Amino acid sequence: MTRACPLVAVLAGLLIGGCGGSSGEEPPRCELPQEVEDLSDLPRDLPVDRWGNVTEIGVENGFLGVVAVTDTTIIELYPQIARAVSEGGYTILSGDNEGFEAEIFFERGQGTTGAFRLRQGPCVEQVTIRLLLEAERYRRQT
């Protein structure tokens, strides 16, 4: 089991929205964060590492949580991720792309569900990609 960070923090970030303050200040410019070394838990059909630097990954209680940061815009990422989800054999249940934030909710068969959440930040011209995936593969690892 890989734990670059506690999965609880990844799940909390998915639920409450992650980065980006409401102060109206522009976030700082900075380099892409360092990628975690062990990407073996990433699903091959959802290549998060192709879209950004995977900075956090963890498996807990049957869920995979992944966080990646990229300098690709949400407008560019959304169709790439939606295409990969569909080509991976998943059914997109719902999606929303507002340009500054986006979500894609999907499923495949019984017991495989997931969500991508895209948000601007943490730095100027960066986007944080969050994936939460529940699947039998991850239930067996915990």
C-alpha atoms as a PDB file:
ATOM      1  CA  MET A   1       0.000   0.000   0.000  1.00  0.00           C
ATOM      2  CA  THR A   2       1.378   3.405  -1.010  1.00  0.00           C
ATOM      3  CA  ARG A   3       0.877   6.423   1.261  1.00  0.00           C
ATOM      4  CA  ALA A   4       2.500   9.666   0.220  1.00  0.00           C
ATOM      5  CA  CYS A   5      -0.054  11.431   2.413  1.00  0.00           C
ATOM      6  CA  PRO A   6      -2.974  10.341   4.567  1.00  0.00           C
ATOM      7  CA  LEU A   7      -5.843   9.422   2.279  1.00  0.00           C
ATOM      8  CA  VAL A   8      -8.226  11.172   4.636  1.00  0.00           C
ATOM      9  CA  ALA A   9      -6.696  14.485   3.556  1.00  0.00           C
ATOM     10  CA  VAL A  10      -7.166  13.544  -0.104  1.00  0.00           C
ATOM     11  CA  LEU A  11     -10.806  12.629   0.510  1.00  0.00           C
ATOM     12  CA  ALA A  12     -11.401  15.799   2.509  1.00  0.00           C
ATOM     13  CA  GLY A  13      -9.904  17.848  -0.312  1.00  0.00           C
ATOM     14  CA  LEU A  14     -12.303  16.233  -2.765  1.00  0.00           C
ATOM     15  CA  LEU A  15     -15.291  16.971  -0.577  1.00  0.00           C
ATOM     16  CA  ILE A  16     -14.532  20.553   0.431  1.00  0.00           C
ATOM     17  CA  GLY A  17     -12.900  21.791  -2.717  1.00  0.00           C
ATOM     18  CA  GLY A  18      -9.174  21.980  -2.104  1.00  0.00           C
ATOM     19  CA  CYS A  19      -7.128  25.078  -2.836  1.00  0.00           C
ATOM     20  CA  GLY A  20      -8.025  28.631  -3.682  1.00  0.00           C
ATOM     21  CA  GLY A  21      -8.838  31.272  -1.132  1.00  0.00           C
ATOM     22  CA  SER A  22     -11.701  33.717  -1.204  1.00  0.00           C
ATOM     23  CA  SER A  23      -9.579  36.759  -0.361  1.00  0.00           C
ATOM     24  CA  GLY A  24      -9.471  37.873  -3.985  1.00  0.00           C
ATOM     25  CA  GLU A  25      -5.684  37.724  -3.997  1.00  0.00           C
ATOM     26  CA  GLU A  26      -3.975  36.101  -6.950  1.00  0.00           C
ATOM     27  CA  PRO A  27      -2.187  32.871  -5.961  1.00  0.00           C
ATOM     28  CA  PRO A  28       1.625  32.879  -6.174  1.00  0.00           C
ATOM     29  CA  ARG A  29       3.493  31.682  -9.266  1.00  0.00           C
ATOM     30  CA  CYS A  30       5.531  28.568  -8.608  1.00  0.00           C
ATOM     31  CA  GLU A  31       6.987  25.415 -10.133  1.00  0.00           C
ATOM     32  CA  LEU A  32       5.049  22.170 -10.449  1.00  0.00           C
ATOM     33  CA  PRO A  33       5.371  20.123  -7.248  1.00  0.00           C
ATOM     34  CA  GLN A  34       7.563  17.027  -7.088  1.00  0.00           C
ATOM     35  CA  GLU A  35       5.893  13.843  -8.287  1.00  0.00           C
ATOM     36  CA  VAL A  36       5.610  10.831  -5.951  1.00  0.00           C
ATOM     37  CA  GLU A  37       7.899   7.965  -6.919  1.00  0.00           C
ATOM     38  CA  ASP A  38       5.589   4.948  -6.686  1.00  0.00           C
ATOM     39  CA  LEU A  39       2.701   5.172  -9.153  1.00  0.00           C
ATOM     40  CA  SER A  40       1.902   1.443  -9.147  1.00  0.00           C
ATOM     41  CA  ASP A  41      -1.588   1.975  -7.679  1.00  0.00           C
ATOM     42  CA  LEU A  42      -2.689   4.232 -10.549  1.00  0.00           C
ATOM     43  CA  PRO A  43      -5.294   2.627 -12.812  1.00  0.00           C
ATOM     44  CA  ARG A  44      -3.943   2.145 -16.337  1.00  0.00           C
ATOM     45  CA  ASP A  45      -7.236   3.257 -17.877  1.00  0.00           C
ATOM     46  CA  LEU A  46      -7.211   6.613 -16.018  1.00  0.00           C
ATOM     47  CA  PRO A  47      -3.673   7.923 -16.649  1.00  0.00           C
ATOM     48  CA  VAL A  48      -3.583  10.786 -14.148  1.00  0.00           C
ATOM     49  CA  ASP A  49       0.213  10.919 -14.487  1.00  0.00           C
ATOM     50  CA  ARG A  50      -0.216  11.771 -18.180  1.00  0.00           C
ATOM     51  CA  TRP A  51      -2.117  14.947 -17.240  1.00  0.00           C
ATOM     52  CA  GLY A  52       0.049  16.227 -14.383  1.00  0.00           C
ATOM     53  CA  ASN A  53       2.601  15.559 -11.651  1.00  0.00           C
ATOM     54  CA  VAL A  54       1.050  13.099  -9.197  1.00  0.00           C
ATOM     55  CA  THR A  55       1.816  14.610  -5.803  1.00  0.00           C
ATOM     56  CA  GLU A  56      -0.297  12.370  -3.551  1.00  0.00           C
ATOM     57  CA  ILE A  57      -1.614   8.841  -3.875  1.00  0.00           C
ATOM     58  CA  GLY A  58      -3.139   6.497  -1.365  1.00  0.00           C
ATOM     59  CA  VAL A  59      -5.404   3.493  -0.987  1.00  0.00           C
ATOM     60  CA  GLU A  60      -7.677   3.128   2.009  1.00  0.00           C
ATOM     61  CA  ASN A  61     -10.959   1.329   2.717  1.00  0.00           C
ATOM     62  CA  GLY A  62     -11.457   0.364  -0.920  1.00  0.00           C
ATOM     63  CA  PHE A  63     -10.815   3.834  -2.314  1.00  0.00           C
ATOM     64  CA  LEU A  64      -7.942   5.202  -4.354  1.00  0.00           C
ATOM     65  CA  GLY A  65      -7.231   8.906  -3.859  1.00  0.00           C
ATOM     66  CA  VAL A  66      -4.927  10.743  -6.256  1.00  0.00           C
ATOM     67  CA  VAL A  67      -3.884  14.386  -6.437  1.00  0.00           C
ATOM     68  CA  ALA A  68      -1.936  15.802  -9.380  1.00  0.00           C
ATOM     69  CA  VAL A  69      -0.915  19.322 -10.343  1.00  0.00           C
ATOM     70  CA  THR A  70      -0.495  20.538 -13.908  1.00  0.00           C
ATOM     71  CA  ASP A  71       0.012  23.718 -15.888  1.00  0.00           C
ATOM     72  CA  THR A  72      -2.646  22.639 -18.414  1.00  0.00           C
ATOM     73  CA  THR A  73      -5.903  24.597 -18.209  1.00  0.00           C
ATOM     74  CA  ILE A  74      -9.215  23.121 -17.082  1.00  0.00           C
ATOM     75  CA  ILE A  75     -10.648  23.911 -20.526  1.00  0.00           C
ATOM     76  CA  GLU A  76      -7.933  21.719 -22.120  1.00  0.00           C
ATOM     77  CA  LEU A  77      -8.002  18.973 -19.464  1.00  0.00           C
ATOM     78  CA  TYR A  78     -11.726  18.356 -19.251  1.00  0.00           C
ATOM     79  CA  PRO A  79     -12.209  16.792 -22.702  1.00  0.00           C
ATOM     80  CA  GLN A  80      -9.005  14.739 -22.346  1.00  0.00           C
ATOM     81  CA  ILE A  81     -10.158  13.273 -19.033  1.00  0.00           C
ATOM     82  CA  ALA A  82     -13.747  12.733 -20.237  1.00  0.00           C
ATOM     83  CA  ARG A  83     -12.401  10.906 -23.307  1.00  0.00           C
ATOM     84  CA  ALA A  84     -10.134   8.683 -21.179  1.00  0.00           C
ATOM     85  CA  VAL A  85     -13.028   7.880 -18.833  1.00  0.00           C
ATOM     86  CA  SER A  86     -15.230   6.847 -21.777  1.00  0.00           C
ATOM     87  CA  GLU A  87     -12.444   4.954 -23.564  1.00  0.00           C
ATOM     88  CA  GLY A  88     -11.647   3.164 -20.275  1.00  0.00           C
ATOM     89  CA  GLY A  89     -15.102   1.576 -20.383  1.00  0.00           C
ATOM     90  CA  TYR A  90     -16.691   3.845 -17.792  1.00  0.00           C
ATOM     91  CA  THR A  91     -20.067   5.546 -18.126  1.00  0.00           C
ATOM     92  CA  ILE A  92     -20.064   9.261 -17.369  1.00  0.00           C
ATOM     93  CA  LEU A  93     -22.947   9.873 -14.981  1.00  0.00           C
ATOM     94  CA  SER A  94     -22.569  13.614 -14.732  1.00  0.00           C
ATOM     95  CA  GLY A  95     -20.139  16.346 -15.644  1.00  0.00           C
ATOM     96  CA  ASP A  96     -19.781  20.072 -15.295  1.00  0.00           C
ATOM     97  CA  ASN A  97     -17.115  22.394 -16.687  1.00  0.00           C
ATOM     98  CA  GLU A  98     -17.251  26.039 -15.678  1.00  0.00           C
ATOM     99  CA  GLY A  99     -13.740  26.808 -16.922  1.00  0.00           C
ATOM    100  CA  PHE A 100     -12.356  27.585 -13.469  1.00  0.00           C
ATOM    101  CA  GLU A 101     -13.611  24.335 -11.898  1.00  0.00           C
ATOM    102  CA  ALA A 102     -14.971  21.070 -13.267  1.00  0.00           C
ATOM    103  CA  GLU A 103     -16.202  17.644 -12.190  1.00  0.00           C
ATOM    104  CA  ILE A 104     -16.759  14.306 -13.897  1.00  0.00           C
ATOM    105  CA  PHE A 105     -18.633  11.518 -12.078  1.00  0.00           C
ATOM    106  CA  PHE A 106     -18.495   8.033 -13.558  1.00  0.00           C
ATOM    107  CA  GLU A 107     -19.099   4.310 -13.010  1.00  0.00           C
ATOM    108  CA  ARG A 108     -18.330   0.939 -14.561  1.00  0.00           C
ATOM    109  CA  GLY A 109     -20.444  -2.067 -13.728  1.00  0.00           C
ATOM    110  CA  GLN A 110     -21.371  -2.853 -10.151  1.00  0.00           C
ATOM    111  CA  GLY A 111     -19.086  -1.415  -7.496  1.00  0.00           C
ATOM    112  CA  THR A 112     -16.738   0.725  -9.563  1.00  0.00           C
ATOM    113  CA  THR A 113     -17.463   4.416  -9.179  1.00  0.00           C
ATOM    114  CA  GLY A 114     -15.308   7.490  -9.306  1.00  0.00           C
ATOM    115  CA  ALA A 115     -14.991  11.220  -9.671  1.00  0.00           C
ATOM    116  CA  PHE A 116     -12.520  13.682 -11.106  1.00  0.00           C
ATOM    117  CA  ARG A 117     -12.477  17.176  -9.688  1.00  0.00           C
ATOM    118  CA  LEU A 118     -10.470  19.983 -11.320  1.00  0.00           C
ATOM    119  CA  ARG A 119      -9.707  23.266  -9.578  1.00  0.00           C
ATOM    120  CA  GLN A 120      -7.475  26.236 -10.359  1.00  0.00           C
ATOM    121  CA  GLY A 121      -4.376  26.529  -8.162  1.00  0.00           C
ATOM    122  CA  PRO A 122      -2.448  26.149  -6.015  1.00  0.00           C
ATOM    123  CA  CYS A 123      -0.410  28.616  -8.066  1.00  0.00           C
ATOM    124  CA  VAL A 124      -1.137  30.940 -10.971  1.00  0.00           C
ATOM    125  CA  GLU A 125      -1.699  29.006 -14.208  1.00  0.00           C
ATOM    126  CA  GLN A 126      -1.846  25.662 -12.385  1.00  0.00           C
ATOM    127  CA  VAL A 127      -4.707  23.211 -11.984  1.00  0.00           C
ATOM    128  CA  THR A 128      -5.157  20.581  -9.281  1.00  0.00           C
ATOM    129  CA  ILE A 129      -6.616  17.285 -10.476  1.00  0.00           C
ATOM    130  CA  ARG A 130      -8.227  15.059  -7.838  1.00  0.00           C
ATOM    131  CA  LEU A 131      -9.382  11.516  -8.515  1.00  0.00           C
ATOM    132  CA  LEU A 132     -11.390   9.395  -6.111  1.00  0.00           C
ATOM    133  CA  LEU A 133     -12.044   5.842  -7.292  1.00  0.00           C
ATOM    134  CA  GLU A 134     -13.798   2.982  -5.543  1.00  0.00           C
ATOM    135  CA  ALA A 135     -13.147  -0.452  -7.013  1.00  0.00           C
ATOM    136  CA  GLU A 136     -12.757  -4.079  -6.000  1.00  0.00           C
ATOM    137  CA  ARG A 137      -9.033  -3.877  -6.757  1.00  0.00           C
ATOM    138  CA  TYR A 138      -8.600  -1.329  -3.960  1.00  0.00           C
ATOM    139  CA  ARG A 139     -10.888  -3.134  -1.511  1.00  0.00           C
ATOM    140  CA  ARG A 140      -8.562  -6.153  -1.708  1.00  0.00           C
ATOM    141  CA  GLN A 141      -5.495  -4.004  -0.901  1.00  0.00           C
ATOM    142  CA  THR A 142      -6.804  -2.712   2.418  1.00  0.00           C
END
